[in-house]
Protein backbone atom coordinates (compact mmCIF):
# COMPACT_ATOMS: atom_id res chain seq x y z
CA MET A 1 74.05 106.78 113.30
CA GLU A 2 72.25 108.44 110.44
CA THR A 3 70.05 106.18 108.33
CA SER A 4 67.23 106.58 105.85
CA THR A 5 64.66 104.49 104.05
CA PRO A 6 66.45 101.35 102.80
CA GLN A 7 66.69 100.75 99.09
CA ASN A 8 68.89 98.88 96.69
CA PRO A 9 72.18 100.86 96.71
CA LEU A 10 73.24 99.43 93.36
CA SER A 11 70.21 100.90 91.64
CA LYS A 12 70.39 104.15 93.61
CA ASN A 13 73.86 105.08 92.43
CA PRO A 14 74.34 103.58 88.98
CA SER A 15 76.96 106.22 88.15
CA THR A 16 79.28 104.69 90.74
CA LEU A 17 79.12 101.20 89.30
CA GLY A 18 79.48 101.57 85.56
CA THR A 19 81.23 99.37 83.04
CA PRO A 20 84.99 99.25 83.71
CA THR A 21 87.00 101.30 81.23
CA ARG A 22 89.18 98.92 79.26
CA ASN A 23 92.43 100.84 79.64
CA LEU A 24 92.05 100.81 83.44
CA LEU A 25 91.64 97.07 83.83
CA VAL A 26 94.32 95.43 81.71
CA ASP A 27 96.91 92.84 82.69
CA HIS A 28 98.87 92.23 79.52
CA GLU A 29 101.22 89.71 81.14
CA ARG A 30 98.52 87.33 82.29
CA GLN A 31 95.63 87.32 79.83
CA SER A 32 93.85 89.39 77.23
CA SER A 33 92.10 92.56 78.36
CA GLY A 34 88.84 91.34 76.85
CA ASP A 35 88.77 88.19 78.97
CA PHE A 36 89.74 90.10 82.10
CA VAL A 37 87.10 92.79 81.65
CA SER A 38 84.41 90.19 80.93
CA GLN A 39 85.26 88.40 84.18
CA CYS A 40 85.11 91.68 86.12
CA LEU A 41 81.72 92.40 84.60
CA ALA A 42 80.55 88.92 85.55
CA ILE A 43 81.49 89.62 89.18
CA PHE A 44 79.58 92.90 89.06
CA ARG A 45 76.49 91.16 87.68
CA GLN A 46 76.66 88.54 90.44
CA GLN A 47 76.91 91.26 93.09
CA GLU A 48 74.05 93.16 91.50
CA GLN A 49 71.85 90.07 91.52
CA VAL A 50 72.44 89.11 95.15
CA VAL A 51 71.94 92.66 96.42
CA THR A 52 68.81 93.16 94.32
CA HIS A 53 67.42 89.83 95.49
CA TYR A 54 67.99 90.79 99.11
CA PHE A 55 66.20 94.12 98.83
CA GLU A 56 63.32 92.60 96.85
CA THR A 57 62.68 89.61 99.12
CA THR A 58 63.71 90.66 102.63
CA PRO A 59 61.02 91.80 105.10
CA PRO A 60 61.12 95.57 105.70
CA SER A 61 62.16 95.08 109.32
CA GLN A 62 65.36 93.32 108.20
CA LEU A 63 66.44 95.58 105.34
CA LEU A 64 68.95 97.49 107.48
CA PHE A 65 70.93 94.32 108.24
CA TYR A 66 72.42 93.34 104.88
CA ILE A 67 76.04 93.00 106.06
CA ALA A 68 75.04 91.41 109.36
CA SER A 69 72.95 88.80 107.52
CA LYS A 70 76.04 87.65 105.58
CA LYS A 71 78.21 87.10 108.65
CA SER A 72 78.15 83.30 108.55
CA GLN A 73 79.75 83.16 105.08
CA PHE A 74 82.71 85.46 105.85
CA VAL A 75 86.19 83.93 106.06
CA GLU A 76 86.77 86.13 109.12
CA THR A 77 83.92 84.37 110.93
CA LYS A 78 85.39 80.98 110.16
CA THR A 79 88.80 82.16 111.36
CA LEU A 80 87.28 83.33 114.65
CA GLN A 81 85.52 79.99 115.09
CA VAL A 82 88.79 78.11 114.60
CA ALA A 83 90.60 80.44 117.00
CA ARG A 84 87.92 79.88 119.62
CA TYR A 85 88.16 76.10 119.19
CA LEU A 86 91.95 76.10 119.46
CA ASN A 87 91.92 78.47 122.42
CA MET A 88 89.18 76.91 124.52
CA ARG A 89 90.94 77.63 127.82
CA ASP A 90 91.25 81.37 127.16
CA ASN A 91 88.22 82.42 125.13
CA ALA A 92 88.04 85.62 127.16
CA GLY A 93 90.80 86.99 124.95
CA LEU A 94 88.51 86.65 121.94
CA LEU A 95 85.53 88.42 123.51
CA PRO A 96 86.33 91.91 122.12
CA LEU A 97 86.56 90.45 118.61
CA GLN A 98 83.32 88.54 119.07
CA HIS A 99 81.73 91.77 120.24
CA LEU A 100 82.57 93.38 116.90
CA PHE A 101 81.05 90.47 115.00
CA ASN A 102 77.89 90.84 117.08
CA HIS A 103 77.55 94.51 116.10
CA LEU A 104 77.90 94.37 112.33
CA HIS A 105 74.70 96.41 112.07
CA ILE A 106 77.00 99.39 112.70
CA VAL A 107 78.75 98.54 109.43
CA ASP A 108 75.34 98.40 107.75
CA ASP A 109 74.50 101.86 109.10
CA LEU A 110 77.78 103.29 107.82
CA VAL A 111 77.37 101.70 104.39
CA MET A 112 73.82 103.01 104.04
CA SER A 113 74.73 106.52 105.18
CA ILE A 114 77.77 106.68 102.87
CA ASN A 115 75.78 105.37 99.94
CA ASN A 116 73.03 107.94 100.46
CA HIS A 117 75.56 110.79 100.39
CA LEU A 118 77.84 109.77 97.52
CA PRO A 119 78.25 112.66 95.07
CA PRO A 120 77.73 111.88 91.36
CA GLN A 121 80.91 110.79 89.65
CA ARG A 122 81.96 108.79 86.63
CA PRO A 123 83.52 105.43 87.55
CA ILE A 124 87.30 105.38 87.66
CA GLY A 125 89.65 102.45 88.13
CA TRP A 126 93.09 101.52 89.39
CA GLN A 127 95.20 98.70 90.72
CA LEU A 128 95.11 98.00 94.45
CA LEU A 129 98.25 97.63 96.50
CA SER A 130 98.28 93.97 97.46
CA GLN A 131 101.88 92.80 98.06
CA ASN A 132 100.99 89.53 96.32
CA LYS A 133 98.28 88.78 98.88
CA ASN A 134 94.53 88.98 98.57
CA PHE A 135 94.30 90.84 101.88
CA MET A 136 90.63 91.76 101.55
CA ASN A 137 89.59 88.37 100.16
CA LEU A 138 88.19 89.98 97.03
CA PRO A 139 86.50 87.79 94.39
CA THR A 140 89.22 86.12 92.32
CA VAL A 141 89.40 85.97 88.53
CA GLY A 142 91.55 83.62 86.49
CA VAL A 143 91.45 81.06 89.33
CA ALA A 144 89.62 77.74 89.25
CA GLY A 145 86.69 77.45 91.63
CA ASP A 146 88.25 74.51 93.47
CA ALA A 147 91.61 76.24 94.02
CA PRO A 148 92.60 76.99 97.66
CA ASP A 149 92.98 80.71 96.95
CA TYR A 150 89.67 81.03 95.09
CA ARG A 151 87.22 83.59 96.50
CA GLY A 152 83.66 84.18 95.38
CA ILE A 153 81.59 87.27 96.02
CA GLU A 154 80.75 88.31 99.59
CA GLN A 155 83.20 85.92 101.23
CA SER A 156 84.72 88.56 103.49
CA LEU A 157 83.48 91.65 105.29
CA ALA A 158 85.69 94.04 103.31
CA ALA A 159 84.74 92.50 99.95
CA THR A 160 81.04 92.70 100.80
CA VAL A 161 81.32 96.33 101.86
CA ILE A 162 83.37 97.51 98.90
CA GLN A 163 80.88 96.08 96.39
CA PHE A 164 78.55 98.92 97.36
CA LEU A 165 81.19 101.38 96.13
CA GLY A 166 82.17 99.66 92.89
CA VAL A 167 83.43 96.33 91.61
CA ALA A 168 86.68 94.87 92.88
CA CYS A 169 88.51 91.65 92.10
CA TYR A 170 91.86 89.99 92.65
CA HIS A 171 93.91 88.57 89.79
CA HIS A 172 97.07 86.56 90.41
CA ASP A 173 99.22 89.08 92.31
CA ARG A 174 97.20 92.29 92.48
CA GLY A 175 93.75 93.67 93.08
CA TYR A 176 91.66 95.90 90.83
CA PHE A 177 88.83 98.28 91.54
CA VAL A 178 86.55 100.40 89.36
CA GLY A 179 83.85 102.58 90.82
CA HIS A 180 83.49 105.61 93.08
CA ILE A 181 86.48 107.51 94.47
CA VAL A 182 85.29 106.59 97.98
CA GLY A 183 86.39 103.05 97.23
CA TYR A 184 89.92 104.32 96.84
CA LEU A 185 89.84 105.80 100.33
CA PHE A 186 88.81 102.38 101.57
CA SER A 187 91.40 100.43 99.63
CA CYS A 188 94.81 102.08 99.63
CA SER A 189 96.80 105.30 99.68
CA VAL A 190 96.51 107.97 97.03
CA SER A 191 99.29 108.58 94.52
CA VAL A 192 97.53 110.05 91.48
CA THR A 193 96.90 113.79 91.19
CA GLN A 194 93.41 113.34 89.74
CA LEU A 195 92.38 111.08 92.61
CA VAL A 196 93.75 113.49 95.21
CA ARG A 197 91.68 116.28 93.67
CA LEU A 198 88.52 114.16 93.74
CA LEU A 199 89.15 113.23 97.36
CA GLN A 200 89.61 116.87 98.35
CA GLU A 201 86.16 117.62 96.97
CA LEU A 202 84.45 115.03 99.15
CA ASP A 203 82.38 116.08 102.12
CA GLU A 204 84.35 115.82 105.37
CA THR A 205 81.64 113.79 107.09
CA LEU A 206 81.66 111.30 104.23
CA LYS A 207 85.42 110.83 104.53
CA THR A 208 85.25 110.26 108.27
CA GLN A 209 82.54 107.63 107.84
CA VAL A 210 84.58 105.81 105.20
CA TYR A 211 87.55 105.84 107.57
CA GLN A 212 85.45 104.34 110.36
CA LEU A 213 84.12 101.73 107.99
CA ALA A 214 87.64 100.73 106.96
CA ILE A 215 88.82 100.60 110.57
CA TYR A 216 85.94 98.32 111.55
CA CYS A 217 86.59 95.96 108.63
CA ALA A 218 90.34 95.90 109.28
CA GLN A 219 89.87 95.17 112.97
CA ILE A 220 88.13 91.86 112.34
CA SER A 221 90.23 90.91 109.32
CA GLU A 222 92.52 87.90 109.47
CA TYR A 223 95.43 90.19 108.59
CA ALA A 224 97.13 93.01 110.48
CA LEU A 225 96.20 95.98 108.30
CA GLU A 226 96.99 98.92 110.55
CA LYS A 227 99.75 100.29 108.31
CA ARG A 228 97.52 100.20 105.25
CA ILE A 229 94.65 101.72 107.16
CA GLU A 230 96.82 104.61 108.29
CA LYS A 231 97.50 105.36 104.62
CA LEU A 232 93.82 105.52 103.75
CA LEU A 233 93.63 109.28 104.08
CA ILE A 234 96.74 111.21 103.12
CA THR A 235 97.65 114.66 104.40
CA GLU A 236 95.74 116.51 101.69
CA VAL A 237 92.40 115.07 102.83
CA ASN A 238 93.14 114.08 106.41
CA SER A 239 92.03 116.99 108.57
CA PHE A 240 90.22 115.12 111.32
CA ASN A 241 91.22 113.37 114.53
CA LYS A 242 91.40 109.68 113.70
CA GLN A 243 91.74 108.62 117.32
CA ALA A 244 88.47 110.38 118.15
CA LEU A 245 86.78 108.43 115.37
CA ARG A 246 88.15 105.17 116.76
CA ASP A 247 86.83 106.10 120.20
CA GLU A 248 83.43 106.88 118.69
CA LEU A 249 83.31 103.38 117.22
CA SER A 250 83.95 101.94 120.66
CA VAL A 251 80.95 103.86 121.97
CA LEU A 252 78.79 102.68 119.08
CA VAL A 253 79.48 99.04 119.87
CA GLN A 254 78.70 99.80 123.53
CA TYR A 255 82.02 98.43 124.60
CA ASP A 256 83.64 99.22 127.96
CA LEU A 257 85.24 102.64 127.41
CA SER A 258 88.20 101.60 129.51
CA GLU A 259 88.89 98.94 126.86
CA LYS A 260 88.43 101.10 123.77
CA GLU A 261 92.16 101.20 123.04
CA ALA A 262 92.34 97.41 122.97
CA LEU A 263 89.22 97.25 120.82
CA PHE A 264 90.37 99.36 117.88
CA GLN A 265 94.12 99.54 118.30
CA PRO A 266 96.53 98.04 117.81
CA ILE A 267 95.04 95.89 115.05
CA LYS A 268 96.32 92.36 115.46
CA PRO A 269 95.77 89.39 113.15
CA LEU A 270 94.31 86.05 114.12
CA LYS A 271 96.91 83.41 113.36
């Protein structure tokens, strides 16, 4: 896995994390655009602070383990712990999933490599397909902090990863993202001509790494996301063998090659 000297990704690529454009982040039915944008900016500032603090205070030997260091606060980790407790007689069935949690440094490597190769681009924004569910456990806005469906920053693997590509949040019945086009590859399928054109211009290696990153995050999610993942890269930008990329992930986590199919497909949720 390609890596380079660690640095604060938020400061390295400021063009990917600019101020959300007002006309891209408006929900007229729920609240005023000004309030909504201010809450999105507040989330971005929180993310910026925690990432900056990590890179300023963490020993050099640990800088490559940002995602891995957050594992204990992810909702996916808590879900796995509950599943293990409720399934004490058959924990062997959870071993492949635990193996993925134990190798989150692979996610760190992918995030760092992607971040170091992002082409300059003005931030763009859009609504995320959500089907009235906060599938990626994005930070919530317009929800009280003590509400059951409230989510803060970095409370899931996907939400922690996507903050390096832009700022995302969930509001009532839909998600929003503003940042680099790569975040769109990670989040949902493409339906806008401008976005398709931007995706076509991306380096092929960059797109394959984003796909692997999304697959890894989806595999340990509490939801079955395989259909959404398959829509990540549409025909216009999907010229690589996705199964080969899944197999490569199995090798990276040093998992038994005879079990690679069970490791990365099918993607099944923990109930």
